[in-house]
Protein backbone atom coordinates (compact mmCIF):
# COMPACT_ATOMS: atom_id res chain seq x y z
CA ASP A 1 33.55 -9.26 -18.40
CA LEU A 2 32.61 -5.96 -20.03
CA ARG A 3 29.23 -7.50 -20.77
CA VAL A 4 28.70 -8.03 -17.05
CA VAL A 5 29.53 -4.39 -16.36
CA ALA A 6 27.06 -3.42 -19.10
CA VAL A 7 24.36 -5.51 -17.42
CA ALA A 8 25.04 -3.76 -14.12
CA VAL A 9 24.70 -0.34 -15.73
CA ALA A 10 21.64 -1.31 -17.77
CA ILE A 11 19.61 -2.54 -14.81
CA MET A 12 20.10 0.58 -12.71
CA PRO A 13 17.20 2.55 -14.25
CA THR A 14 14.81 -0.36 -13.74
CA ALA A 15 15.30 -0.51 -9.99
CA SER A 16 13.57 2.01 -7.79
CA GLY A 17 15.44 4.98 -6.28
CA MET A 18 18.55 4.40 -4.20
CA HIS A 19 17.99 0.64 -4.42
CA GLY A 20 18.78 0.79 -8.13
CA VAL A 21 21.85 2.96 -7.68
CA LEU A 22 23.34 0.76 -4.97
CA LEU A 23 22.52 -2.40 -6.89
CA GLY A 24 24.16 -1.11 -10.05
CA LEU A 25 27.29 0.02 -8.22
CA LEU A 26 27.59 -3.29 -6.40
CA CYS A 27 27.30 -5.27 -9.60
CA GLY A 28 29.75 -3.00 -11.39
CA VAL A 29 32.38 -3.30 -8.67
CA ALA A 30 32.02 -7.09 -8.48
CA ALA A 31 32.19 -7.50 -12.23
CA ALA A 32 35.16 -5.16 -12.61
CA SER A 33 37.15 -6.95 -9.92
CA MET A 34 36.57 -10.27 -11.63
CA ALA A 35 37.49 -8.82 -14.98
CA HIS A 36 40.95 -7.85 -13.68
CA ALA A 37 41.60 -10.93 -11.58
CA PRO A 38 42.87 -13.31 -14.32
CA HIS A 39 45.15 -10.68 -15.89
CA THR A 40 47.14 -10.26 -12.68
CA ARG A 41 47.93 -13.99 -12.68
CA ALA A 42 48.39 -14.54 -16.40
CA GLY A 43 52.20 -14.60 -16.33
CA ALA A 44 52.40 -16.98 -13.40
CA VAL A 45 50.29 -19.85 -14.70
CA SER A 46 50.51 -22.27 -17.61
CA ARG A 47 48.42 -21.90 -20.75
CA THR A 48 46.17 -24.70 -19.53
CA GLY A 49 45.87 -23.03 -16.14
CA SER A 50 45.06 -19.68 -17.77
CA GLN A 51 42.30 -21.25 -19.84
CA ALA A 52 40.83 -22.87 -16.76
CA THR A 53 41.03 -19.57 -14.89
CA ARG A 54 39.32 -17.71 -17.73
CA LEU A 55 36.53 -20.32 -17.89
CA SER A 56 36.06 -20.16 -14.13
CA THR A 57 36.00 -16.36 -14.16
CA ALA A 58 33.50 -16.24 -17.02
CA HIS A 59 31.25 -18.69 -15.18
CA THR A 60 31.48 -16.64 -11.99
CA SER A 61 30.80 -13.42 -13.90
CA ARG A 62 27.61 -14.89 -15.30
CA ARG A 63 26.54 -15.85 -11.81
CA VAL A 64 27.20 -12.31 -10.58
CA ALA A 65 25.09 -10.89 -13.40
CA LEU A 66 22.27 -13.30 -12.58
CA ALA A 67 22.46 -12.52 -8.87
CA CYS A 68 22.28 -8.79 -9.60
CA ALA A 69 19.35 -9.18 -11.95
CA LEU A 70 17.37 -11.59 -9.75
CA PRO A 71 15.89 -8.96 -7.38
CA LEU A 72 14.57 -7.11 -10.42
CA LEU A 73 12.62 -10.16 -11.50
CA LEU A 74 10.69 -10.26 -8.24
CA PRO A 75 7.61 -8.05 -7.68
CA ARG A 76 8.40 -5.08 -5.46
CA ARG A 77 6.07 -3.53 -2.91
CA ALA A 78 6.80 -0.07 -4.31
CA HIS A 79 4.66 -0.87 -7.35
CA ALA A 80 1.57 -0.80 -5.12
CA LEU A 81 2.52 2.22 -3.07
CA VAL A 82 1.87 5.92 -3.49
CA GLU A 83 4.10 8.10 -1.30
CA GLY A 84 4.66 5.06 0.91
CA LEU A 85 0.94 4.32 1.32
CA PRO A 86 -0.66 1.13 -0.01
CA LEU A 87 -2.79 2.02 -3.03
CA TYR A 88 -3.98 -1.55 -3.52
CA ALA A 89 -3.50 -4.93 -1.83
CA PRO A 90 -2.39 -7.90 -3.94
CA SER A 91 -4.10 -11.15 -3.03
CA SER A 92 -2.49 -13.09 -0.22
CA GLY A 93 0.15 -15.44 -1.56
CA SER A 94 0.45 -13.70 -4.91
CA LEU A 95 3.99 -12.52 -4.20
CA VAL A 96 7.19 -13.84 -2.62
CA GLY A 97 6.79 -17.41 -3.79
CA GLY A 98 3.25 -17.75 -2.45
CA ILE A 99 4.02 -17.01 1.20
CA GLY A 100 2.03 -13.79 1.24
CA SER A 101 2.03 -10.35 -0.26
CA GLY A 102 2.99 -8.47 2.89
CA PHE A 103 0.15 -6.00 2.25
CA PRO A 104 -2.96 -5.40 4.34
CA ASP A 105 -6.13 -7.13 3.20
CA GLU A 106 -7.43 -3.93 1.60
CA GLY A 107 -5.79 -0.86 0.12
CA PHE A 108 -7.08 2.60 -0.73
CA ASP A 109 -8.60 1.28 -3.94
CA THR A 110 -11.33 -0.40 -1.89
CA LEU A 111 -11.26 1.39 1.48
CA LEU A 112 -11.40 4.96 0.22
CA PRO A 113 -14.64 4.39 -1.74
CA LYS A 114 -16.12 2.62 1.31
CA VAL A 115 -15.36 5.52 3.64
CA GLU A 116 -16.66 7.96 1.02
CA ALA A 117 -19.86 5.91 0.77
CA LEU A 118 -20.25 6.14 4.56
CA ARG A 119 -19.82 9.92 4.30
CA ASP A 120 -22.43 10.12 1.55
CA SER A 121 -24.94 8.13 3.62
CA LEU A 122 -24.86 10.53 6.55
CA PRO A 123 -27.01 13.34 5.07
CA SER A 124 -29.92 10.94 4.62
CA LEU A 125 -29.39 9.69 8.16
CA ARG A 126 -29.57 13.26 9.38
CA GLY A 127 -32.76 13.69 7.37
CA ALA A 128 -34.27 10.69 9.15
CA VAL A 129 -33.35 12.24 12.50
CA GLU A 130 -34.95 15.55 11.51
CA ARG A 131 -38.13 13.70 10.49
CA GLU A 132 -37.95 11.73 13.74
CA ASP A 133 -38.09 8.51 11.73
CA TRP A 134 -36.60 6.54 14.57
CA GLY A 135 -37.10 3.19 12.88
CA ALA A 136 -34.89 4.24 9.96
CA VAL A 137 -32.33 5.74 12.34
CA ALA A 138 -32.21 2.61 14.49
CA ALA A 139 -31.78 0.45 11.38
CA ALA A 140 -28.73 2.50 10.36
CA VAL A 141 -26.95 2.24 13.72
CA THR A 142 -27.43 -1.36 14.77
CA SER A 143 -24.67 -3.05 16.76
CA ASP A 144 -23.57 -4.98 13.68
CA ALA A 145 -23.47 -1.84 11.54
CA ILE A 146 -21.41 0.05 14.12
CA ALA A 147 -19.00 -2.88 14.48
CA ALA A 148 -18.56 -3.13 10.69
CA GLN A 149 -17.91 0.60 10.40
CA ALA A 150 -15.42 0.50 13.27
CA LYS A 151 -13.56 -2.35 11.58
CA MET A 152 -13.48 -0.47 8.28
CA LEU A 153 -12.15 2.69 9.90
CA GLY A 154 -9.55 0.64 11.78
CA SER A 155 -8.36 -0.85 8.49
CA PHE A 156 -8.28 2.66 7.02
CA ALA A 157 -6.13 3.83 9.92
CA SER A 158 -3.69 0.96 9.39
CA ILE A 159 -2.79 2.11 5.89
CA LEU A 160 -2.48 5.84 6.59
CA GLY A 161 1.12 5.76 7.77
CA ASP A 162 1.94 8.64 10.12
CA GLU A 163 -1.75 9.55 10.46
CA ALA A 164 -2.74 6.10 11.77
CA TYR A 165 -3.03 7.15 15.42
CA THR A 166 -5.01 10.24 14.45
CA VAL A 167 -7.54 8.08 12.63
CA ILE A 168 -7.74 5.64 15.55
CA GLY A 169 -8.75 8.54 17.78
CA LEU A 170 -11.28 9.76 15.23
CA LYS A 171 -12.67 6.24 14.90
CA ALA A 172 -13.30 6.14 18.65
CA ARG A 173 -15.23 9.42 18.39
CA PHE A 174 -17.29 8.07 15.48
CA VAL A 175 -18.18 4.87 17.32
CA SER A 176 -19.13 6.80 20.45
CA ALA A 177 -21.37 9.16 18.47
CA SER A 178 -22.99 6.20 16.66
CA LYS A 179 -23.81 4.53 19.96
CA ARG A 180 -25.30 7.73 21.34
CA LEU A 181 -27.41 8.03 18.22
CA ALA A 182 -28.59 4.43 18.62
CA THR A 183 -29.60 5.16 22.21
CA ALA A 184 -31.45 8.31 21.16
CA ALA A 185 -33.31 6.40 18.43
CA LYS A 186 -34.28 3.68 20.88
CA LYS A 187 -35.73 6.26 23.25
CA ALA A 188 -37.23 8.32 20.39
CA ASN A 189 -35.39 11.23 21.93
CA SER A 190 -36.14 14.49 20.15
CA ASP A 191 -34.19 16.81 22.47
CA GLY A 192 -31.48 17.50 19.87
CA SER A 193 -28.96 14.95 21.08
CA ALA A 194 -29.57 12.74 18.04
CA LEU A 195 -28.79 15.62 15.67
CA ASN A 196 -25.64 16.40 17.63
CA SER A 197 -24.57 12.78 17.32
CA VAL A 198 -25.06 12.54 13.58
CA ASP A 199 -23.30 15.88 13.11
CA GLU A 200 -20.36 14.55 15.11
CA MET A 201 -20.25 11.46 12.89
CA THR A 202 -20.27 13.67 9.79
CA THR A 203 -17.44 15.84 11.10
CA VAL A 204 -15.31 12.83 12.02
CA ILE A 205 -15.61 11.20 8.60
CA ALA A 206 -14.76 14.50 6.90
CA ASP A 207 -11.68 14.83 9.11
CA ILE A 208 -10.58 11.28 8.28
CA LEU A 209 -10.93 11.78 4.54
CA ALA A 210 -9.01 15.06 4.76
CA LEU A 211 -5.97 13.08 5.93
CA VAL A 212 -5.69 11.15 2.66
CA PRO A 213 -3.03 12.72 0.38
CA ALA A 214 -4.49 14.24 -2.78
CA VAL A 215 -2.14 12.14 -4.94
CA VAL A 216 -3.58 8.95 -3.41
CA VAL A 217 -7.14 10.12 -4.08
CA GLU A 218 -6.24 10.87 -7.70
CA GLN A 219 -4.66 7.43 -8.13
CA VAL A 220 -7.83 5.78 -6.81
CA ARG A 221 -9.94 7.87 -9.19
CA ALA A 222 -7.63 6.83 -12.04
CA LEU A 223 -8.08 3.16 -11.13
CA GLU A 224 -11.85 3.65 -11.08
CA ARG A 225 -11.79 5.33 -14.50
CA TYR A 226 -9.69 2.50 -15.88
CA ALA A 227 -12.03 -0.14 -14.43
CA SER A 228 -15.04 1.70 -15.87
CA SER A 229 -13.52 1.98 -19.34
CA SER A 230 -12.60 -1.72 -19.33
CA ARG A 231 -16.19 -2.89 -18.84
């Protein structure tokens, strides 16, 4: 019985936060109550009955220990979270017995670099506008390109927790500016509206990236460094 209590205490540091504390306390209380149960009846039963009781209690104690340890054997979402935000997204069906991970399709490990790449592409787009290279501008803001960027920003919003609605609003501004830029390119409009549109797109993306916690950005950079060193 003391071994069961030891198991309960030993597993507490392996569980995350309050979950570990509560789990350890629950196991300890259950194990301790079982440890005392046969002693309160020892004088009232026969030797054979006492042996049976002890065997039953020992069996039950082992089951309690197993039940307490079982949640620790299962993957926990917290391993893929940074301050409650999904750093990466395990493949669908990789957790919980194959019924799905419970994560979005993409985490910051893939979406942050994509949004950063979009940001980095905007200066050259602005350069094309300044040169009045309307063919290059139109190629950058096709309907398919705008739809893909809107989907990406929507996915980004979905993993930003409390800032999700802010990003949804910013996404709408980005899409609107992209469509205005496409219209200006189609008309070869050099009245300054195209520059205003691309500047609006640049501001929006900067505002979106500013909402990502620094600790999340650093974790993504660490993953990238690890992936690079493993090649």
